[in-house]
Amino acid sequence: MRRIFLWAARNAWLRDHLPRMRFMRRAVRRFMPGETMESALDAAAPLQAAGIGTMYTKLGENLESLAEADAVADHYIAVLDAIEARGLAGEISVKPTQLGLDIDEDRALAHLTRLAAHAATTDSYVWIDMEGSAYTDATLRLYERVRAVQPRTGICLQAYLRRTAVDIERLRPLDPAIRLVKGAYDEPARIAFRGKREVDASYLELAAAFLTEGRGRPIRLGLGTHDVALIEQIAMRVAAEGIGRDGFEIEMLYGIRTGEQFRLAREGYRVQTLIAYGDAWYPWYMRRLAERPANVTFALRSLLP
């Protein structure tokens, strides 16, 4: 089923036709408060009241012109200004291909540097999202170059890639901020763990090692997963090394395990909710269905009256 949804995420015909169907638009509302920046920011109020931070990402990837990339960068500048104006504890997460990586890596770097500089003036933060494995090396290069001049930046790394432990060691001299996710793309077994147990074991070891080996240094780790049992296993592992629940962050998507997000915040964990918005939601939504069977169950229920 995972492979089917990942295939559907890449299928151009389905991408053009399914989003027009009413049941699809109804189903995606679980994961998105709306398609506009304003709707995403409005959703932050009850979360902030519970001590939960927010992160915002405008959906879209693999743009075809630098003019589009320039517009995306301008949009995120407006998002940072709106976060500050509303007094939100909010940050942004950007895909490099949204900023023109496919076309001009230097232009993408310029956009990221500009966004990070602006985020610093608004007391916010910029996260560089990770896409398919074809972009891993270029994304790491971008992060190394941006982090060298703008420390309020982080990068997403994927635990299912066999190379990730080496990538973390490569970044350690930068005292990096890392959002660790399991991985949502269809990667071959030669470069990625395919089974859930293997991915979970990799995730646990990467997170625990990063926290314990970086203790006492200005690192930042976000656990980008909805697997609460795995989160609690990591917490128990690092507690033995003197790292408390506030020594890392838990980052979950809007609309998924909402009750758990509030519970974890009450129990002293630092929690952030990633709020996605925009009209280019179809491939992103298909990858969310591929991640967890519970998401598929919800989608099927949305077909009912």
Protein backbone atom coordinates (compact mmCIF):
# COMPACT_ATOMS: atom_id res chain seq x y z
CA MET A 1 0.00 0.00 0.00
CA ARG A 2 2.89 2.35 0.78
CA ARG A 3 4.27 1.82 -2.71
CA ILE A 4 0.88 2.47 -4.28
CA PHE A 5 0.52 5.83 -2.52
CA LEU A 6 4.07 6.86 -3.36
CA TRP A 7 3.44 5.95 -7.00
CA ALA A 8 0.23 8.01 -6.88
CA ALA A 9 2.20 10.97 -5.49
CA ARG A 10 4.36 10.95 -8.64
CA ASN A 11 1.57 10.33 -11.17
CA ALA A 12 0.91 13.49 -13.21
CA TRP A 13 -2.62 12.50 -14.31
CA LEU A 14 -3.75 11.81 -10.76
CA ARG A 15 -2.08 15.02 -9.57
CA ASP A 16 -4.09 17.01 -12.10
CA HIS A 17 -7.46 15.30 -11.56
CA LEU A 18 -7.84 14.01 -8.00
CA PRO A 19 -7.52 17.41 -6.25
CA ARG A 20 -10.66 18.55 -8.07
CA MET A 21 -12.76 15.87 -6.42
CA ARG A 22 -14.80 16.88 -3.42
CA PHE A 23 -13.95 13.84 -1.31
CA MET A 24 -10.23 14.55 -1.71
CA ARG A 25 -10.58 18.15 -0.62
CA ARG A 26 -12.65 17.02 2.37
CA ALA A 27 -10.09 14.39 3.36
CA VAL A 28 -7.09 16.72 3.18
CA ARG A 29 -8.70 19.16 5.64
CA ARG A 30 -7.57 16.91 8.46
CA PHE A 31 -3.96 17.77 7.70
CA MET A 32 -4.41 21.40 6.60
CA PRO A 33 -6.47 24.17 8.22
CA GLY A 34 -6.73 25.83 4.78
CA GLU A 35 -4.83 26.77 1.65
CA THR A 36 -3.84 30.32 2.66
CA MET A 37 -1.13 31.71 4.91
CA GLU A 38 -3.82 33.41 6.99
CA SER A 39 -5.65 30.14 7.65
CA ALA A 40 -2.38 28.51 8.71
CA LEU A 41 -1.53 31.33 11.11
CA ASP A 42 -5.07 31.36 12.52
CA ALA A 43 -4.67 27.70 13.49
CA ALA A 44 -1.79 28.57 15.82
CA ALA A 45 -3.86 30.22 18.57
CA PRO A 46 -5.05 27.11 20.49
CA LEU A 47 -1.65 25.49 20.04
CA GLN A 48 0.23 28.47 21.43
CA ALA A 49 -2.16 28.65 24.37
CA ALA A 50 -1.10 25.10 25.23
CA GLY A 51 2.59 25.93 24.95
CA ILE A 52 3.01 24.33 21.52
CA GLY A 53 5.09 26.14 18.92
CA THR A 54 4.34 26.19 15.21
CA MET A 55 6.23 25.79 11.96
CA TYR A 56 4.83 26.81 8.56
CA THR A 57 5.44 25.43 5.12
CA LYS A 58 3.88 26.45 1.83
CA LEU A 59 3.38 23.33 -0.24
CA GLY A 60 5.03 23.07 -3.64
CA GLU A 61 8.23 21.68 -5.11
CA ASN A 62 10.27 21.41 -8.31
CA LEU A 63 9.41 24.84 -9.66
CA GLU A 64 10.13 25.51 -13.33
CA SER A 65 11.36 29.13 -13.33
CA LEU A 66 13.47 31.42 -11.20
CA ALA A 67 10.63 33.94 -11.20
CA GLU A 68 8.51 31.39 -9.32
CA ALA A 69 11.35 30.81 -6.87
CA ASP A 70 11.70 34.56 -6.30
CA ALA A 71 7.98 34.75 -5.55
CA VAL A 72 8.24 31.91 -3.03
CA ALA A 73 11.10 33.66 -1.25
CA ASP A 74 9.08 36.90 -1.09
CA HIS A 75 6.14 34.92 0.28
CA TYR A 76 8.21 33.47 3.12
CA ILE A 77 9.50 36.93 4.01
CA ALA A 78 5.84 37.91 4.42
CA VAL A 79 5.23 34.81 6.56
CA LEU A 80 8.09 35.75 8.90
CA ASP A 81 6.70 39.28 9.20
CA ALA A 82 3.20 37.93 9.92
CA ILE A 83 4.53 35.55 12.59
CA GLU A 84 6.22 38.47 14.32
CA ALA A 85 3.19 40.76 13.97
CA ARG A 86 0.92 38.16 15.58
CA GLY A 87 3.37 37.43 18.39
CA LEU A 88 3.60 33.73 17.51
CA ALA A 89 6.34 31.31 18.49
CA GLY A 90 6.62 30.31 14.84
CA GLU A 91 9.24 29.23 12.32
CA ILE A 92 9.29 28.33 8.62
CA SER A 93 10.30 25.20 6.71
CA VAL A 94 11.26 25.52 3.04
CA LYS A 95 11.97 22.99 0.30
CA PRO A 96 15.13 23.87 -1.67
CA THR A 97 13.41 23.11 -4.98
CA GLN A 98 10.84 25.78 -4.05
CA LEU A 99 13.69 28.25 -4.13
CA GLY A 100 15.10 27.19 -7.49
CA LEU A 101 17.56 24.41 -6.62
CA ASP A 102 16.72 22.52 -9.82
CA ILE A 103 17.63 25.57 -11.87
CA ASP A 104 20.36 27.51 -10.07
CA GLU A 105 21.92 26.36 -6.79
CA ASP A 106 23.48 29.77 -6.14
CA ARG A 107 20.08 31.46 -6.48
CA ALA A 108 18.61 28.97 -4.03
CA LEU A 109 21.46 29.74 -1.64
CA ALA A 110 20.85 33.48 -1.98
CA HIS A 111 17.17 32.99 -1.15
CA LEU A 112 17.94 30.83 1.89
CA THR A 113 20.52 33.30 3.16
CA ARG A 114 18.06 36.16 2.77
CA LEU A 115 15.33 34.23 4.58
CA ALA A 116 17.67 33.25 7.43
CA ALA A 117 18.88 36.83 7.84
CA HIS A 118 15.29 38.06 8.00
CA ALA A 119 14.34 35.31 10.42
CA ALA A 120 17.12 36.44 12.74
CA THR A 121 15.65 39.97 12.85
CA THR A 122 12.20 38.59 13.74
CA ASP A 123 13.47 36.09 16.36
CA SER A 124 12.41 33.18 14.14
CA TYR A 125 14.15 30.27 12.45
CA VAL A 126 14.47 28.70 8.99
CA TRP A 127 14.39 24.96 8.42
CA ILE A 128 15.61 23.46 5.14
CA ASP A 129 13.43 20.51 4.25
CA MET A 130 14.85 17.35 2.70
CA GLU A 131 13.41 15.94 -0.51
CA GLY A 132 14.21 12.75 -2.43
CA SER A 133 17.70 11.23 -2.29
CA ALA A 134 18.69 12.88 -5.58
CA TYR A 135 18.78 16.18 -3.65
CA THR A 136 20.59 15.04 -0.50
CA ASP A 137 24.09 16.19 -1.44
CA ALA A 138 22.96 19.54 -2.82
CA THR A 139 20.78 20.19 0.23
CA LEU A 140 23.66 19.43 2.59
CA ARG A 141 25.87 21.82 0.63
CA LEU A 142 23.24 24.54 0.92
CA TYR A 143 22.92 24.02 4.66
CA GLU A 144 26.67 24.11 5.24
CA ARG A 145 26.96 27.38 3.35
CA VAL A 146 23.96 29.02 5.02
CA ARG A 147 24.74 27.82 8.55
CA ALA A 148 28.25 29.24 8.28
CA VAL A 149 26.82 32.77 8.11
CA GLN A 150 23.33 32.38 9.64
CA PRO A 151 23.15 30.14 12.72
CA ARG A 152 19.35 30.32 13.05
CA THR A 153 18.93 27.57 10.47
CA GLY A 154 18.25 23.85 10.61
CA ILE A 155 18.10 20.93 8.21
CA CYS A 156 15.85 17.89 7.90
CA LEU A 157 17.56 14.48 7.70
CA GLN A 158 15.94 11.12 6.96
CA ALA A 159 16.57 8.10 9.19
CA TYR A 160 15.76 5.56 6.50
CA LEU A 161 18.77 6.61 4.38
CA ARG A 162 21.78 4.44 5.15
CA ARG A 163 24.09 7.45 4.78
CA THR A 164 22.50 9.64 7.47
CA ALA A 165 24.87 8.75 10.32
CA VAL A 166 27.79 9.85 8.11
CA ASP A 167 25.93 13.03 7.13
CA ILE A 168 25.39 13.92 10.80
CA GLU A 169 29.11 13.50 11.50
CA ARG A 170 29.86 15.71 8.51
CA LEU A 171 27.67 18.45 9.98
CA ARG A 172 28.84 18.18 13.61
CA PRO A 173 31.50 20.93 13.33
CA LEU A 174 28.63 23.34 12.56
CA ASP A 175 26.77 22.44 15.79
CA PRO A 176 23.78 21.76 13.52
CA ALA A 177 20.08 21.97 14.19
CA ILE A 178 18.49 18.79 12.84
CA ARG A 179 14.91 17.72 12.32
CA LEU A 180 15.03 13.93 12.11
CA VAL A 181 12.25 12.23 10.17
CA LYS A 182 11.83 8.62 9.09
CA GLY A 183 11.52 9.41 5.37
CA ALA A 184 8.58 9.57 2.99
CA TYR A 185 9.98 8.88 -0.47
CA ASP A 186 10.21 5.59 -2.36
CA GLU A 187 13.94 4.89 -2.17
CA PRO A 188 15.70 1.65 -3.26
CA ALA A 189 16.99 -0.83 -0.69
CA ARG A 190 20.62 -0.21 -1.66
CA ILE A 191 20.45 3.30 -0.18
CA ALA A 192 17.56 3.09 2.28
CA PHE A 193 16.17 0.80 4.95
CA ARG A 194 12.83 -0.54 3.76
CA GLY A 195 11.36 -2.35 6.77
CA LYS A 196 9.71 -0.57 9.68
CA ARG A 197 11.89 -2.26 12.29
CA GLU A 198 15.07 -1.25 10.47
CA VAL A 199 13.89 2.34 10.07
CA ASP A 200 12.83 2.57 13.71
CA ALA A 201 16.16 1.13 14.90
CA SER A 202 18.05 3.62 12.75
CA TYR A 203 15.91 6.49 14.04
CA LEU A 204 16.50 5.52 17.67
CA GLU A 205 20.26 5.19 17.29
CA LEU A 206 20.66 8.41 15.29
CA ALA A 207 18.59 10.48 17.74
CA ALA A 208 20.19 9.07 20.89
CA ALA A 209 23.72 9.41 19.52
CA PHE A 210 23.17 12.98 18.34
CA LEU A 211 21.83 14.05 21.73
CA THR A 212 24.35 12.27 23.92
CA GLU A 213 27.44 13.02 21.83
CA GLY A 214 26.39 16.65 21.46
CA ARG A 215 25.63 17.19 25.14
CA GLY A 216 26.95 20.52 26.34
CA ARG A 217 27.08 21.98 22.82
CA PRO A 218 24.51 24.36 21.26
CA ILE A 219 22.76 21.71 19.16
CA ARG A 220 19.05 21.38 18.47
CA LEU A 221 17.19 18.17 17.62
CA GLY A 222 13.57 17.90 16.53
CA LEU A 223 11.98 14.45 16.45
CA GLY A 224 9.79 14.72 13.37
CA THR A 225 7.65 11.64 13.92
CA HIS A 226 4.17 10.68 15.10
CA ASP A 227 5.49 7.44 16.60
CA VAL A 228 4.92 8.23 20.28
CA ALA A 229 6.31 4.90 21.46
CA LEU A 230 9.56 5.63 19.64
CA ILE A 231 9.70 9.15 21.08
CA GLU A 232 9.29 7.80 24.60
CA GLN A 233 11.93 5.14 23.95
CA ILE A 234 14.39 7.85 22.91
CA ALA A 235 13.48 9.91 25.98
CA MET A 236 14.20 6.94 28.26
CA ARG A 237 17.51 6.23 26.52
CA VAL A 238 18.86 9.78 26.85
CA ALA A 239 17.46 10.30 30.36
CA ALA A 240 20.12 7.86 31.53
CA GLU A 241 22.67 10.37 30.20
CA GLY A 242 21.09 13.26 32.09
CA ILE A 243 19.11 14.70 29.17
CA GLY A 244 15.59 15.69 30.17
CA ARG A 245 12.37 16.00 28.21
CA ASP A 246 13.20 19.59 27.39
CA GLY A 247 16.51 18.59 25.81
CA PHE A 248 14.93 17.98 22.40
CA GLU A 249 11.75 18.81 20.50
CA ILE A 250 8.84 16.79 19.18
CA GLU A 251 7.56 17.96 15.80
CA MET A 252 4.29 16.60 14.45
CA LEU A 253 1.98 17.57 11.63
CA TYR A 254 -1.18 19.57 12.16
CA GLY A 255 -4.17 17.27 12.55
CA ILE A 256 -2.23 14.10 13.34
CA ARG A 257 -2.21 12.74 16.90
CA THR A 258 -3.44 16.10 18.17
CA GLY A 259 -4.36 14.68 21.56
CA GLU A 260 -0.87 13.28 21.94
CA GLN A 261 0.68 16.61 21.04
CA PHE A 262 -1.22 18.31 23.85
CA ARG A 263 -0.45 15.48 26.29
CA LEU A 264 3.25 15.54 25.54
CA ALA A 265 3.34 19.32 26.00
CA ARG A 266 1.62 18.94 29.39
CA GLU A 267 4.20 16.34 30.40
CA GLY A 268 7.09 18.70 29.85
CA TYR A 269 8.20 17.91 26.32
CA ARG A 270 8.85 20.74 23.88
CA VAL A 271 6.35 20.31 21.06
CA GLN A 272 6.01 22.00 17.67
CA THR A 273 3.24 21.55 15.12
CA LEU A 274 4.09 21.77 11.42
CA ILE A 275 1.24 23.51 9.59
CA ALA A 276 1.17 23.08 5.82
CA TYR A 277 -0.91 25.17 3.45
CA GLY A 278 -1.20 26.04 -0.22
CA ASP A 279 -2.95 24.58 -3.25
CA ALA A 280 -0.11 22.24 -4.31
CA TRP A 281 -1.04 19.70 -1.65
CA TYR A 282 -1.66 16.51 -3.67
CA PRO A 283 1.84 14.84 -3.66
CA TRP A 284 2.40 15.89 -0.06
CA TYR A 285 -0.93 14.37 0.95
CA MET A 286 -0.20 11.09 -0.84
CA ARG A 287 3.08 10.80 1.05
CA ARG A 288 1.24 11.37 4.33
CA LEU A 289 -1.09 8.47 3.48
CA ALA A 290 1.93 6.30 2.71
CA GLU A 291 3.47 7.00 6.12
CA ARG A 292 0.85 5.58 8.49
CA PRO A 293 -2.06 3.12 8.14
CA ALA A 294 -4.10 5.34 10.46
CA ASN A 295 -3.97 8.10 7.85
CA VAL A 296 -5.41 5.72 5.24
CA THR A 297 -8.22 4.77 7.60
CA PHE A 298 -9.13 8.42 8.03
CA ALA A 299 -9.07 8.96 4.27
CA LEU A 300 -11.45 6.05 3.72
CA ARG A 301 -13.82 7.37 6.38
CA SER A 302 -13.87 10.71 4.57
CA LEU A 303 -15.59 8.97 1.65
CA LEU A 304 -18.63 8.38 3.81
CA PRO A 305 -21.40 11.01 4.25
